[in-house]
Amino acid sequence: MSKYIPGNQKHLSLEDRKYIERSLNNGSSFKDIARFLCKDPTTISKEVKLHRVSDWYHKGSFLNAHNFCIHRYHCRKTNVCRKIILCNIKCTSCPTCNQTCPDFVKEQCNRLDKAPYVCNGCSKAIHHCSIAHKYRYDAVFADRKYKECLSSSRAGINMTKHELRQKDMIISPLIKIPSQRIFVISRQ
């Protein structure tokens, strides 16, 4: 935590998360949000990245087509998949182009790779954006996800059944050694 921001070192509450969501919708920066909540900006950044909701829009319209290639507006290729003989339909209108075209490059948004990491507050309406994979920050979902993580991290052993079985196979034979052999080994 920054030494210049007087914070209480407490966890974010649901009200804090709701403020983060409202601020992101208004286009505020992490620095402004952090200043209001008396937290470090990296705390806000980590909160948004960890608890953002992944939305996959796959509606078949011109702006949000099934084809997610950056070349789809200018591409003239036909029958790349070779499924139909003499197919004259452009591959840009075909959803299989994403898997079969060697020149396919997935369209991505720079807003999701750097701060704010979510579509909240974007100038484009979410249904008019051509990017298929979107992220948004939802305060109620983030709070629920945080509480699940908090309770699961404090319950039981943090390992899978397979990992537990592997460790059991190593340790159990060592414990089952007869006590006479241990005594002989320790005298030498």
Protein backbone atom coordinates (compact mmCIF):
# COMPACT_ATOMS: atom_id res chain seq x y z
CA MET A 1 0.00 0.00 0.00
CA SER A 2 1.17 3.48 -0.79
CA LYS A 3 2.56 5.37 2.19
CA TYR A 4 0.82 8.54 0.98
CA ILE A 5 -2.70 7.08 1.14
CA PRO A 6 -3.98 6.59 4.69
CA GLY A 7 -5.75 3.24 4.47
CA ASN A 8 -7.15 0.85 7.00
CA GLN A 9 -5.72 -2.32 5.41
CA LYS A 10 -9.20 -3.88 5.40
CA HIS A 11 -10.83 -5.95 2.70
CA LEU A 12 -13.07 -4.30 0.13
CA SER A 13 -16.76 -4.36 1.09
CA LEU A 14 -19.77 -4.69 -1.20
CA GLU A 15 -20.29 -0.91 -0.96
CA ASP A 16 -16.67 -0.34 -2.06
CA ARG A 17 -17.20 -2.67 -5.01
CA LYS A 18 -20.41 -0.88 -5.98
CA TYR A 19 -18.50 2.41 -5.94
CA ILE A 20 -15.82 0.84 -8.17
CA GLU A 21 -18.49 -0.34 -10.62
CA ARG A 22 -20.20 3.10 -10.75
CA SER A 23 -16.86 4.84 -11.20
CA LEU A 24 -15.79 2.49 -14.00
CA ASN A 25 -19.13 3.11 -15.74
CA ASN A 26 -18.42 6.86 -15.52
CA GLY A 27 -14.90 6.40 -16.92
CA SER A 28 -12.93 7.21 -13.75
CA SER A 29 -9.32 6.08 -13.45
CA PHE A 30 -8.03 3.59 -10.89
CA LYS A 31 -6.14 6.43 -9.24
CA ASP A 32 -9.31 8.47 -8.65
CA ILE A 33 -11.21 5.44 -7.36
CA ALA A 34 -8.34 4.51 -5.04
CA ARG A 35 -8.09 8.04 -3.67
CA PHE A 36 -11.79 8.05 -2.74
CA LEU A 37 -11.62 4.57 -1.12
CA CYS A 38 -8.28 5.29 0.61
CA LYS A 39 -6.66 2.33 -1.13
CA ASP A 40 -3.69 1.89 -3.39
CA PRO A 41 -4.43 2.04 -7.15
CA THR A 42 -2.90 -1.43 -7.60
CA THR A 43 -5.49 -2.79 -5.16
CA ILE A 44 -8.25 -1.48 -7.41
CA SER A 45 -6.49 -2.78 -10.51
CA LYS A 46 -6.09 -6.27 -9.04
CA GLU A 47 -9.70 -6.28 -7.86
CA VAL A 48 -10.99 -5.46 -11.33
CA LYS A 49 -8.73 -7.97 -13.11
CA LEU A 50 -9.46 -10.82 -10.69
CA HIS A 51 -13.21 -10.36 -10.43
CA ARG A 52 -14.27 -9.26 -13.89
CA VAL A 53 -17.02 -11.19 -15.64
CA SER A 54 -16.35 -12.72 -19.02
CA ASP A 55 -19.13 -12.18 -21.56
CA TRP A 56 -19.14 -13.86 -24.94
CA TYR A 57 -21.32 -12.12 -27.49
CA HIS A 58 -21.84 -14.27 -30.56
CA LYS A 59 -24.80 -12.69 -32.23
CA GLY A 60 -24.86 -12.91 -36.01
CA SER A 61 -25.21 -9.29 -37.06
CA PHE A 62 -23.02 -7.12 -39.26
CA LEU A 63 -21.34 -5.38 -36.32
CA ASN A 64 -21.03 -8.48 -34.16
CA ALA A 65 -20.73 -11.32 -36.67
CA HIS A 66 -19.93 -14.99 -36.16
CA ASN A 67 -16.64 -14.30 -37.91
CA PHE A 68 -14.15 -12.70 -35.50
CA CYS A 69 -11.29 -12.05 -37.94
CA ILE A 70 -9.82 -8.57 -38.30
CA HIS A 71 -9.77 -9.08 -42.09
CA ARG A 72 -13.49 -9.89 -42.41
CA TYR A 73 -14.48 -6.52 -43.93
CA HIS A 74 -11.95 -6.66 -46.79
CA CYS A 75 -11.38 -10.38 -47.37
CA ARG A 76 -12.41 -11.78 -50.78
CA LYS A 77 -11.65 -15.49 -50.14
CA THR A 78 -14.20 -18.16 -50.96
CA ASN A 79 -14.36 -21.88 -50.12
CA VAL A 80 -11.37 -21.95 -47.76
CA CYS A 81 -12.86 -24.88 -45.84
CA ARG A 82 -13.29 -26.97 -49.05
CA LYS A 83 -16.43 -28.57 -47.61
CA ILE A 84 -18.72 -27.62 -50.46
CA ILE A 85 -17.56 -27.95 -54.04
CA LEU A 86 -17.99 -24.76 -56.03
CA CYS A 87 -18.96 -22.62 -53.04
CA ASN A 88 -19.22 -18.99 -54.18
CA ILE A 89 -20.11 -17.53 -50.78
CA LYS A 90 -17.44 -15.30 -49.23
CA CYS A 91 -15.76 -16.86 -46.22
CA THR A 92 -16.33 -13.66 -44.23
CA SER A 93 -19.99 -14.61 -43.81
CA CYS A 94 -19.16 -18.17 -42.72
CA PRO A 95 -18.50 -18.99 -39.03
CA THR A 96 -16.10 -21.84 -39.95
CA CYS A 97 -13.67 -19.29 -41.35
CA ASN A 98 -12.37 -18.75 -37.80
CA GLN A 99 -11.09 -22.35 -37.66
CA THR A 100 -10.09 -23.03 -41.29
CA CYS A 101 -8.56 -19.86 -42.72
CA PRO A 102 -4.73 -19.72 -42.49
CA ASP A 103 -4.85 -15.89 -42.41
CA PHE A 104 -7.28 -15.71 -39.46
CA VAL A 105 -6.31 -13.14 -36.82
CA LYS A 106 -8.70 -12.68 -33.89
CA GLU A 107 -9.97 -9.14 -33.36
CA GLN A 108 -9.03 -7.81 -29.91
CA CYS A 109 -9.68 -4.63 -27.97
CA ASN A 110 -6.78 -2.67 -26.47
CA ARG A 111 -9.05 -1.58 -23.61
CA LEU A 112 -9.08 -5.15 -22.25
CA ASP A 113 -5.28 -5.52 -22.29
CA LYS A 114 -4.55 -2.41 -20.23
CA ALA A 115 -6.40 -0.36 -17.60
CA PRO A 116 -9.38 -0.49 -17.01
CA TYR A 117 -9.39 -4.15 -18.29
CA VAL A 118 -13.20 -4.08 -18.68
CA CYS A 119 -15.81 -2.71 -21.07
CA ASN A 120 -17.47 -0.61 -18.33
CA GLY A 121 -17.43 3.03 -19.37
CA CYS A 122 -16.58 2.32 -23.01
CA SER A 123 -17.93 4.89 -25.47
CA LYS A 124 -19.28 2.12 -27.74
CA ALA A 125 -22.56 0.51 -26.76
CA ILE A 126 -21.87 -3.09 -25.76
CA HIS A 127 -24.23 -4.50 -28.42
CA HIS A 128 -22.69 -2.36 -31.20
CA CYS A 129 -19.10 -3.37 -30.49
CA SER A 130 -17.59 -5.84 -32.96
CA ILE A 131 -15.34 -7.52 -30.37
CA ALA A 132 -16.79 -10.90 -29.46
CA HIS A 133 -15.13 -11.49 -26.09
CA LYS A 134 -15.98 -8.78 -23.60
CA TYR A 135 -15.30 -8.28 -19.89
CA ARG A 136 -17.33 -6.23 -17.44
CA TYR A 137 -17.05 -5.52 -13.74
CA ASP A 138 -20.13 -6.38 -11.67
CA ALA A 139 -19.95 -5.51 -7.96
CA VAL A 140 -22.37 -8.17 -6.71
CA PHE A 141 -20.66 -10.93 -8.72
CA ALA A 142 -17.21 -9.72 -7.59
CA ASP A 143 -18.26 -9.74 -3.93
CA ARG A 144 -19.73 -13.25 -4.23
CA LYS A 145 -16.61 -14.52 -6.00
CA TYR A 146 -14.36 -12.92 -3.37
CA LYS A 147 -16.30 -14.51 -0.49
CA GLU A 148 -16.17 -17.94 -2.15
CA CYS A 149 -12.42 -17.63 -2.58
CA LEU A 150 -11.98 -16.44 1.01
CA SER A 151 -13.94 -19.33 2.49
CA SER A 152 -12.44 -22.00 0.21
CA SER A 153 -8.90 -20.87 1.01
CA ARG A 154 -9.56 -21.49 4.69
CA ALA A 155 -11.23 -24.88 4.36
CA GLY A 156 -9.44 -28.21 4.08
CA ILE A 157 -6.23 -29.06 2.29
CA ASN A 158 -5.31 -27.06 -0.75
CA MET A 159 -4.61 -30.01 -3.05
CA THR A 160 -6.49 -32.25 -5.43
CA LYS A 161 -7.35 -35.88 -4.75
CA HIS A 162 -4.74 -36.96 -7.30
CA GLU A 163 -1.99 -34.97 -5.56
CA LEU A 164 -3.06 -36.37 -2.18
CA ARG A 165 -2.95 -39.93 -3.54
CA GLN A 166 0.57 -39.38 -4.96
CA LYS A 167 1.89 -38.10 -1.63
CA ASP A 168 0.15 -40.96 0.20
CA MET A 169 1.94 -43.50 -2.03
CA ILE A 170 5.29 -42.00 -1.05
CA ILE A 171 4.74 -41.48 2.68
CA SER A 172 2.66 -44.54 3.68
CA PRO A 173 5.33 -47.16 2.86
CA LEU A 174 7.86 -45.21 4.94
CA ILE A 175 5.54 -45.19 7.95
CA LYS A 176 4.79 -48.91 7.67
CA ILE A 177 8.46 -49.91 8.19
CA PRO A 178 8.67 -52.33 11.16
CA SER A 179 10.00 -50.75 14.34
CA GLN A 180 12.89 -53.30 14.54
CA ARG A 181 14.35 -52.07 11.26
CA ILE A 182 14.15 -48.48 12.46
CA PHE A 183 15.96 -49.45 15.68
CA VAL A 184 18.73 -51.22 13.72
CA ILE A 185 19.15 -48.31 11.36
CA SER A 186 19.32 -45.78 14.19
CA ARG A 187 22.03 -47.75 16.12
CA GLN A 188 24.48 -47.57 13.25
